[in-house]
Amino acid sequence: MEKTGTLPQKRRVTRKTIVENSAQESHKKIAISHDERHRMIAEAAYFRAQKRGSSDGGDHVADWLAAEAEIDSALTEMAANLALAE
């Protein structure tokens, strides 16, 4: 019998691989719309300003960027945890 093809080599799956893949496909694993993500970021930025005491004016852009990083990190971690559970 002839060998017509070869089997694909197994790839070692690491947490880093899962997180990278999850970040790219988080919208598939976690059904979240752009609007929902935006709402989550806005809410987190609001609470950051409240915690700091927004009466001083504060840096709303810094609050937004920190909240955005926090939400994106949480979504990526959730997607990675879902991938590990599968």
PDB file of N, CA and C in Angstrom:
ATOM      1  N   MET A   1       0.833  -1.169   0.000  1.00  0.00           N
ATOM      2  CA  MET A   1       0.000   0.000   0.000  1.00  0.00           C
ATOM      3  C   MET A   1       0.885   1.241   0.000  1.00  0.00           C
ATOM      4  N   GLU A   2       0.582   2.197  -0.847  1.00  0.00           N
ATOM      5  CA  GLU A   2       1.359   3.424  -0.953  1.00  0.00           C
ATOM      6  C   GLU A   2       0.889   4.464   0.053  1.00  0.00           C
ATOM      7  N   LYS A   3       1.837   5.271   0.454  1.00  0.00           N
ATOM      8  CA  LYS A   3       1.506   6.406   1.295  1.00  0.00           C
ATOM      9  C   LYS A   3       1.156   7.574   0.384  1.00  0.00           C
ATOM     10  N   THR A   4      -0.069   8.027   0.460  1.00  0.00           N
ATOM     11  CA  THR A   4      -0.483   9.107  -0.436  1.00  0.00           C
ATOM     12  C   THR A   4      -0.333  10.481   0.196  1.00  0.00           C
ATOM     13  N   GLY A   5      -0.239  10.534   1.474  1.00  0.00           N
ATOM     14  CA  GLY A   5      -0.116  11.830   2.160  1.00  0.00           C
ATOM     15  C   GLY A   5       0.460  11.626   3.540  1.00  0.00           C
ATOM     16  N   THR A   6       0.764  12.691   4.151  1.00  0.00           N
ATOM     17  CA  THR A   6       1.279  12.601   5.510  1.00  0.00           C
ATOM     18  C   THR A   6       0.294  13.274   6.453  1.00  0.00           C
ATOM     19  N   LEU A   7       0.307  12.796   7.648  1.00  0.00           N
ATOM     20  CA  LEU A   7      -0.553  13.400   8.655  1.00  0.00           C
ATOM     21  C   LEU A   7       0.074  14.702   9.130  1.00  0.00           C
ATOM     22  N   PRO A   8      -0.743  15.664   9.446  1.00  0.00           N
ATOM     23  CA  PRO A   8      -0.171  16.914   9.962  1.00  0.00           C
ATOM     24  C   PRO A   8       0.474  16.673  11.319  1.00  0.00           C
ATOM     25  N   GLN A   9       1.563  17.359  11.553  1.00  0.00           N
ATOM     26  CA  GLN A   9       2.248  17.210  12.826  1.00  0.00           C
ATOM     27  C   GLN A   9       1.436  17.882  13.916  1.00  0.00           C
ATOM     28  N   LYS A  10       1.475  17.285  15.095  1.00  0.00           N
ATOM     29  CA  LYS A  10       0.769  17.879  16.226  1.00  0.00           C
ATOM     30  C   LYS A  10       1.518  19.111  16.691  1.00  0.00           C
ATOM     31  N   ARG A  11       0.741  20.149  16.968  1.00  0.00           N
ATOM     32  CA  ARG A  11       1.309  21.371  17.505  1.00  0.00           C
ATOM     33  C   ARG A  11       1.155  21.369  19.006  1.00  0.00           C
ATOM     34  N   ARG A  12       2.165  21.819  19.665  1.00  0.00           N
ATOM     35  CA  ARG A  12       2.077  21.950  21.119  1.00  0.00           C
ATOM     36  C   ARG A  12       1.217  23.171  21.430  1.00  0.00           C
ATOM     37  N   VAL A  13       0.190  22.959  22.217  1.00  0.00           N
ATOM     38  CA  VAL A  13      -0.707  24.044  22.576  1.00  0.00           C
ATOM     39  C   VAL A  13      -0.293  24.571  23.936  1.00  0.00           C
ATOM     40  N   THR A  14       0.026  25.842  23.974  1.00  0.00           N
ATOM     41  CA  THR A  14       0.403  26.485  25.223  1.00  0.00           C
ATOM     42  C   THR A  14      -0.631  27.532  25.581  1.00  0.00           C
ATOM     43  N   ARG A  15      -0.583  28.012  26.807  1.00  0.00           N
ATOM     44  CA  ARG A  15      -1.514  29.071  27.223  1.00  0.00           C
ATOM     45  C   ARG A  15      -1.333  30.301  26.342  1.00  0.00           C
ATOM     46  N   LYS A  16      -0.075  30.618  25.983  1.00  0.00           N
ATOM     47  CA  LYS A  16       0.185  31.779  25.128  1.00  0.00           C
ATOM     48  C   LYS A  16      -0.520  31.616  23.785  1.00  0.00           C
ATOM     49  N   THR A  17      -0.452  30.433  23.209  1.00  0.00           N
ATOM     50  CA  THR A  17      -1.119  30.167  21.939  1.00  0.00           C
ATOM     51  C   THR A  17      -2.624  30.350  22.085  1.00  0.00           C
ATOM     52  N   ILE A  18      -3.164  29.839  23.173  1.00  0.00           N
ATOM     53  CA  ILE A  18      -4.603  29.939  23.389  1.00  0.00           C
ATOM     54  C   ILE A  18      -5.016  31.395  23.548  1.00  0.00           C
ATOM     55  N   VAL A  19      -4.246  32.153  24.312  1.00  0.00           N
ATOM     56  CA  VAL A  19      -4.582  33.561  24.521  1.00  0.00           C
ATOM     57  C   VAL A  19      -4.493  34.330  23.214  1.00  0.00           C
ATOM     58  N   GLU A  20      -3.430  34.085  22.427  1.00  0.00           N
ATOM     59  CA  GLU A  20      -3.294  34.781  21.148  1.00  0.00           C
ATOM     60  C   GLU A  20      -4.448  34.435  20.218  1.00  0.00           C
ATOM     61  N   ASN A  21      -4.771  33.153  20.126  1.00  0.00           N
ATOM     62  CA  ASN A  21      -5.886  32.750  19.277  1.00  0.00           C
ATOM     63  C   ASN A  21      -7.202  33.290  19.807  1.00  0.00           C
ATOM     64  N   SER A  22      -7.337  33.314  21.111  1.00  0.00           N
ATOM     65  CA  SER A  22      -8.567  33.810  21.721  1.00  0.00           C
ATOM     66  C   SER A  22      -8.747  35.285  21.451  1.00  0.00           C
ATOM     67  N   ALA A  23      -7.662  36.036  21.504  1.00  0.00           N
ATOM     68  CA  ALA A  23      -7.757  37.461  21.242  1.00  0.00           C
ATOM     69  C   ALA A  23      -8.232  37.713  19.816  1.00  0.00           C
ATOM     70  N   GLN A  24      -7.776  36.890  18.896  1.00  0.00           N
ATOM     71  CA  GLN A  24      -8.165  37.050  17.506  1.00  0.00           C
ATOM     72  C   GLN A  24      -9.593  36.583  17.258  1.00  0.00           C
ATOM     73  N   GLU A  25     -10.051  35.618  18.032  1.00  0.00           N
ATOM     74  CA  GLU A  25     -11.366  35.042  17.794  1.00  0.00           C
ATOM     75  C   GLU A  25     -12.317  35.239  18.962  1.00  0.00           C
ATOM     76  N   SER A  26     -12.050  36.241  19.795  1.00  0.00           N
ATOM     77  CA  SER A  26     -12.878  36.410  20.988  1.00  0.00           C
ATOM     78  C   SER A  26     -14.328  36.699  20.634  1.00  0.00           C
ATOM     79  N   HIS A  27     -14.549  37.367  19.506  1.00  0.00           N
ATOM     80  CA  HIS A  27     -15.931  37.659  19.124  1.00  0.00           C
ATOM     81  C   HIS A  27     -16.704  36.390  18.788  1.00  0.00           C
ATOM     82  N   LYS A  28     -15.991  35.314  18.409  1.00  0.00           N
ATOM     83  CA  LYS A  28     -16.656  34.049  18.113  1.00  0.00           C
ATOM     84  C   LYS A  28     -16.949  33.279  19.399  1.00  0.00           C
ATOM     85  N   LYS A  29     -16.018  33.299  20.340  1.00  0.00           N
ATOM     86  CA  LYS A  29     -16.159  32.533  21.569  1.00  0.00           C
ATOM     87  C   LYS A  29     -17.017  33.256  22.594  1.00  0.00           C
ATOM     88  N   ILE A  30     -16.925  34.564  22.607  1.00  0.00           N
ATOM     89  CA  ILE A  30     -17.727  35.368  23.518  1.00  0.00           C
ATOM     90  C   ILE A  30     -18.592  36.259  22.648  1.00  0.00           C
ATOM     91  N   ALA A  31     -19.865  35.979  22.641  1.00  0.00           N
ATOM     92  CA  ALA A  31     -20.783  36.739  21.793  1.00  0.00           C
ATOM     93  C   ALA A  31     -20.985  38.124  22.394  1.00  0.00           C
ATOM     94  N   ILE A  32     -20.154  39.059  21.968  1.00  0.00           N
ATOM     95  CA  ILE A  32     -20.246  40.431  22.456  1.00  0.00           C
ATOM     96  C   ILE A  32     -20.143  41.368  21.267  1.00  0.00           C
ATOM     97  N   SER A  33     -21.054  42.295  21.208  1.00  0.00           N
ATOM     98  CA  SER A  33     -21.073  43.233  20.088  1.00  0.00           C
ATOM     99  C   SER A  33     -20.137  44.409  20.371  1.00  0.00           C
ATOM    100  N   HIS A  34     -19.868  45.146  19.337  1.00  0.00           N
ATOM    101  CA  HIS A  34     -19.050  46.352  19.471  1.00  0.00           C
ATOM    102  C   HIS A  34     -19.725  47.323  20.446  1.00  0.00           C
ATOM    103  N   ASP A  35     -21.036  47.454  20.339  1.00  0.00           N
ATOM    104  CA  ASP A  35     -21.772  48.362  21.225  1.00  0.00           C
ATOM    105  C   ASP A  35     -21.692  47.926  22.682  1.00  0.00           C
ATOM    106  N   GLU A  36     -21.776  46.618  22.928  1.00  0.00           N
ATOM    107  CA  GLU A  36     -21.690  46.114  24.300  1.00  0.00           C
ATOM    108  C   GLU A  36     -20.295  46.349  24.875  1.00  0.00           C
ATOM    109  N   ARG A  37     -19.266  46.113  24.066  1.00  0.00           N
ATOM    110  CA  ARG A  37     -17.890  46.364  24.502  1.00  0.00           C
ATOM    111  C   ARG A  37     -17.723  47.846  24.837  1.00  0.00           C
ATOM    112  N   HIS A  38     -18.254  48.709  23.980  1.00  0.00           N
ATOM    113  CA  HIS A  38     -18.181  50.155  24.187  1.00  0.00           C
ATOM    114  C   HIS A  38     -18.880  50.538  25.493  1.00  0.00           C
ATOM    115  N   ARG A  39     -20.038  49.957  25.762  1.00  0.00           N
ATOM    116  CA  ARG A  39     -20.781  50.233  26.990  1.00  0.00           C
ATOM    117  C   ARG A  39     -19.979  49.800  28.216  1.00  0.00           C
ATOM    118  N   MET A  40     -19.345  48.624  28.116  1.00  0.00           N
ATOM    119  CA  MET A  40     -18.548  48.117  29.234  1.00  0.00           C
ATOM    120  C   MET A  40     -17.363  49.043  29.526  1.00  0.00           C
ATOM    121  N   ILE A  41     -16.722  49.528  28.475  1.00  0.00           N
ATOM    122  CA  ILE A  41     -15.585  50.431  28.637  1.00  0.00           C
ATOM    123  C   ILE A  41     -16.052  51.754  29.253  1.00  0.00           C
ATOM    124  N   ALA A  42     -17.169  52.280  28.753  1.00  0.00           N
ATOM    125  CA  ALA A  42     -17.698  53.547  29.275  1.00  0.00           C
ATOM    126  C   ALA A  42     -18.032  53.418  30.757  1.00  0.00           C
ATOM    127  N   GLU A  43     -18.632  52.310  31.133  1.00  0.00           N
ATOM    128  CA  GLU A  43     -18.994  52.091  32.533  1.00  0.00           C
ATOM    129  C   GLU A  43     -17.747  51.978  33.413  1.00  0.00           C
ATOM    130  N   ALA A  44     -16.751  51.240  32.942  1.00  0.00           N
ATOM    131  CA  ALA A  44     -15.512  51.094  33.709  1.00  0.00           C
ATOM    132  C   ALA A  44     -14.791  52.437  33.841  1.00  0.00           C
ATOM    133  N   ALA A  45     -14.789  53.242  32.776  1.00  0.00           N
ATOM    134  CA  ALA A  45     -14.162  54.569  32.821  1.00  0.00           C
ATOM    135  C   ALA A  45     -14.904  55.467  33.802  1.00  0.00           C
ATOM    136  N   TYR A  46     -16.225  55.388  33.811  1.00  0.00           N
ATOM    137  CA  TYR A  46     -17.039  56.171  34.742  1.00  0.00           C
ATOM    138  C   TYR A  46     -16.676  55.825  36.188  1.00  0.00           C
ATOM    139  N   PHE A  47     -16.605  54.533  36.486  1.00  0.00           N
ATOM    140  CA  PHE A  47     -16.288  54.130  37.847  1.00  0.00           C
ATOM    141  C   PHE A  47     -14.863  54.510  38.243  1.00  0.00           C
ATOM    142  N   ARG A  48     -13.943  54.506  37.293  1.00  0.00           N
ATOM    143  CA  ARG A  48     -12.577  54.965  37.580  1.00  0.00           C
ATOM    144  C   ARG A  48     -12.602  56.439  37.971  1.00  0.00           C
ATOM    145  N   ALA A  49     -13.349  57.241  37.217  1.00  0.00           N
ATOM    146  CA  ALA A  49     -13.443  58.671  37.517  1.00  0.00           C
ATOM    147  C   ALA A  49     -14.106  58.893  38.874  1.00  0.00           C
ATOM    148  N   GLN A  50     -15.147  58.122  39.166  1.00  0.00           N
ATOM    149  CA  GLN A  50     -15.827  58.248  40.454  1.00  0.00           C
ATOM    150  C   GLN A  50     -14.900  57.886  41.614  1.00  0.00           C
ATOM    151  N   LYS A  51     -14.138  56.842  41.437  1.00  0.00           N
ATOM    152  CA  LYS A  51     -13.222  56.402  42.485  1.00  0.00           C
ATOM    153  C   LYS A  51     -12.148  57.458  42.741  1.00  0.00           C
ATOM    154  N   ARG A  52     -11.667  58.071  41.680  1.00  0.00           N
ATOM    155  CA  ARG A  52     -10.638  59.094  41.800  1.00  0.00           C
ATOM    156  C   ARG A  52     -11.220  60.381  42.367  1.00  0.00           C
ATOM    157  N   GLY A  53     -12.482  60.616  42.112  1.00  0.00           N
ATOM    158  CA  GLY A  53     -13.113  61.876  42.507  1.00  0.00           C
ATOM    159  C   GLY A  53     -13.108  62.801  41.311  1.00  0.00           C
ATOM    160  N   SER A  54     -14.118  62.684  40.459  1.00  0.00           N
ATOM    161  CA  SER A  54     -14.127  63.390  39.181  1.00  0.00           C
ATOM    162  C   SER A  54     -14.349  64.895  39.318  1.00  0.00           C
ATOM    163  N   SER A  55     -14.529  65.397  40.552  1.00  0.00           N
ATOM    164  CA  SER A  55     -14.754  66.831  40.723  1.00  0.00           C
ATOM    165  C   SER A  55     -13.525  67.650  40.329  1.00  0.00           C
ATOM    166  N   ASP A  56     -12.347  67.010  40.331  1.00  0.00           N
ATOM    167  CA  ASP A  56     -11.130  67.725  39.951  1.00  0.00           C
ATOM    168  C   ASP A  56     -10.956  67.815  38.439  1.00  0.00           C
ATOM    169  N   GLY A  57     -11.903  67.316  37.701  1.00  0.00           N
ATOM    170  CA  GLY A  57     -11.793  67.323  36.239  1.00  0.00           C
ATOM    171  C   GLY A  57     -11.159  66.038  35.759  1.00  0.00           C
ATOM    172  N   GLY A  58      -9.988  65.734  36.272  1.00  0.00           N
ATOM    173  CA  GLY A  58      -9.335  64.480  35.935  1.00  0.00           C
ATOM    174  C   GLY A  58      -8.985  64.353  34.469  1.00  0.00           C
ATOM    175  N   ASP A  59      -8.427  63.249  34.137  1.00  0.00           N
ATOM    176  CA  ASP A  59      -8.051  62.963  32.754  1.00  0.00           C
ATOM    177  C   ASP A  59      -8.982  61.882  32.235  1.00  0.00           C
ATOM    178  N   HIS A  60     -10.021  62.301  31.551  1.00  0.00           N
ATOM    179  CA  HIS A  60     -11.029  61.365  31.057  1.00  0.00           C
ATOM    180  C   HIS A  60     -10.479  60.430  29.985  1.00  0.00           C
ATOM    181  N   VAL A  61      -9.531  60.928  29.210  1.00  0.00           N
ATOM    182  CA  VAL A  61      -8.917  60.086  28.174  1.00  0.00           C
ATOM    183  C   VAL A  61      -8.116  58.963  28.832  1.00  0.00           C
ATOM    184  N   ALA A  62      -7.372  59.297  29.878  1.00  0.00           N
ATOM    185  CA  ALA A  62      -6.603  58.273  30.594  1.00  0.00           C
ATOM    186  C   ALA A  62      -7.544  57.259  31.228  1.00  0.00           C
ATOM    187  N   ASP A  63      -8.667  57.733  31.785  1.00  0.00           N
ATOM    188  CA  ASP A  63      -9.659  56.814  32.349  1.00  0.00           C
ATOM    189  C   ASP A  63     -10.179  55.874  31.276  1.00  0.00           C
ATOM    190  N   TRP A  64     -10.489  56.428  30.109  1.00  0.00           N
ATOM    191  CA  TRP A  64     -11.032  55.623  29.015  1.00  0.00           C
ATOM    192  C   TRP A  64     -10.008  54.583  28.566  1.00  0.00           C
ATOM    193  N   LEU A  65      -8.779  55.004  28.347  1.00  0.00           N
ATOM    194  CA  LEU A  65      -7.748  54.080  27.858  1.00  0.00           C
ATOM    195  C   LEU A  65      -7.456  52.977  28.867  1.00  0.00           C
ATOM    196  N   ALA A  66      -7.416  53.318  30.144  1.00  0.00           N
ATOM    197  CA  ALA A  66      -7.185  52.308  31.175  1.00  0.00           C
ATOM    198  C   ALA A  66      -8.365  51.337  31.231  1.00  0.00           C
ATOM    199  N   ALA A  67      -9.574  51.866  31.134  1.00  0.00           N
ATOM    200  CA  ALA A  67     -10.764  51.011  31.149  1.00  0.00           C
ATOM    201  C   ALA A  67     -10.801  50.112  29.922  1.00  0.00           C
ATOM    202  N   GLU A  68     -10.416  50.647  28.779  1.00  0.00           N
ATOM    203  CA  GLU A  68     -10.390  49.859  27.542  1.00  0.00           C
ATOM    204  C   GLU A  68      -9.407  48.702  27.663  1.00  0.00           C
ATOM    205  N   ALA A  69      -8.230  48.970  28.189  1.00  0.00           N
ATOM    206  CA  ALA A  69      -7.227  47.914  28.381  1.00  0.00           C
ATOM    207  C   ALA A  69      -7.738  46.868  29.361  1.00  0.00           C
ATOM    208  N   GLU A  70      -8.392  47.318  30.434  1.00  0.00           N
ATOM    209  CA  GLU A  70      -8.933  46.410  31.445  1.00  0.00           C
ATOM    210  C   GLU A  70     -10.018  45.503  30.857  1.00  0.00           C
ATOM    211  N   ILE A  71     -10.939  46.073  30.104  1.00  0.00           N
ATOM    212  CA  ILE A  71     -12.034  45.297  29.509  1.00  0.00           C
ATOM    213  C   ILE A  71     -11.502  44.333  28.461  1.00  0.00           C
ATOM    214  N   ASP A  72     -10.612  44.809  27.587  1.00  0.00           N
ATOM    215  CA  ASP A  72     -10.051  43.922  26.560  1.00  0.00           C
ATOM    216  C   ASP A  72      -9.276  42.768  27.180  1.00  0.00           C
ATOM    217  N   SER A  73      -8.547  43.050  28.245  1.00  0.00           N
ATOM    218  CA  SER A  73      -7.811  41.995  28.945  1.00  0.00           C
ATOM    219  C   SER A  73      -8.776  40.974  29.549  1.00  0.00           C
ATOM    220  N   ALA A  74      -9.838  41.463  30.153  1.00  0.00           N
ATOM    221  CA  ALA A  74     -10.825  40.562  30.761  1.00  0.00           C
ATOM    222  C   ALA A  74     -11.509  39.702  29.700  1.00  0.00           C
ATOM    223  N   LEU A  75     -11.836  40.294  28.562  1.00  0.00           N
ATOM    224  CA  LEU A  75     -12.485  39.531  27.488  1.00  0.00           C
ATOM    225  C   LEU A  75     -11.536  38.477  26.913  1.00  0.00           C
ATOM    226  N   THR A  76     -10.276  38.844  26.762  1.00  0.00           N
ATOM    227  CA  THR A  76      -9.283  37.894  26.259  1.00  0.00           C
ATOM    228  C   THR A  76      -9.103  36.740  27.248  1.00  0.00           C
ATOM    229  N   GLU A  77      -9.054  37.057  28.537  1.00  0.00           N
ATOM    230  CA  GLU A  77      -8.912  36.011  29.554  1.00  0.00           C
ATOM    231  C   GLU A  77     -10.136  35.096  29.571  1.00  0.00           C
ATOM    232  N   MET A  78     -11.319  35.674  29.423  1.00  0.00           N
ATOM    233  CA  MET A  78     -12.539  34.867  29.378  1.00  0.00           C
ATOM    234  C   MET A  78     -12.513  33.922  28.182  1.00  0.00           C
ATOM    235  N   ALA A  79     -12.079  34.435  27.037  1.00  0.00           N
ATOM    236  CA  ALA A  79     -12.012  33.598  25.844  1.00  0.00           C
ATOM    237  C   ALA A  79     -10.988  32.487  26.019  1.00  0.00           C
ATOM    238  N   ALA A  80      -9.856  32.796  26.652  1.00  0.00           N
ATOM    239  CA  ALA A  80      -8.821  31.786  26.895  1.00  0.00           C
ATOM    240  C   ALA A  80      -9.346  30.710  27.837  1.00  0.00           C
ATOM    241  N   ASN A  81     -10.070  31.127  28.866  1.00  0.00           N
ATOM    242  CA  ASN A  81     -10.631  30.158  29.812  1.00  0.00           C
ATOM    243  C   ASN A  81     -11.670  29.271  29.128  1.00  0.00           C
ATOM    244  N   LEU A  82     -12.445  29.841  28.229  1.00  0.00           N
ATOM    245  CA  LEU A  82     -13.405  29.040  27.479  1.00  0.00           C
ATOM    246  C   LEU A  82     -12.692  28.031  26.586  1.00  0.00           C
ATOM    247  N   ALA A  83     -11.600  28.467  25.972  1.00  0.00           N
ATOM    248  CA  ALA A  83     -10.835  27.578  25.102  1.00  0.00           C
ATOM    249  C   ALA A  83     -10.217  26.437  25.906  1.00  0.00           C
ATOM    250  N   LEU A  84      -9.744  26.745  27.102  1.00  0.00           N
ATOM    251  CA  LEU A  84      -9.162  25.699  27.957  1.00  0.00           C
ATOM    252  C   LEU A  84     -10.216  24.706  28.413  1.00  0.00           C
ATOM    253  N   ALA A  85     -11.426  25.186  28.598  1.00  0.00           N
ATOM    254  CA  ALA A  85     -12.515  24.322  29.074  1.00  0.00           C
ATOM    255  C   ALA A  85     -13.030  23.380  27.992  1.00  0.00           C
ATOM    256  N   GLU A  86     -12.780  23.729  26.740  1.00  0.00           N
ATOM    257  CA  GLU A  86     -13.292  22.915  25.631  1.00  0.00           C
ATOM    258  C   GLU A  86     -12.518  21.633  25.470  1.00  0.00           C
TER     259      GLU A  86
END
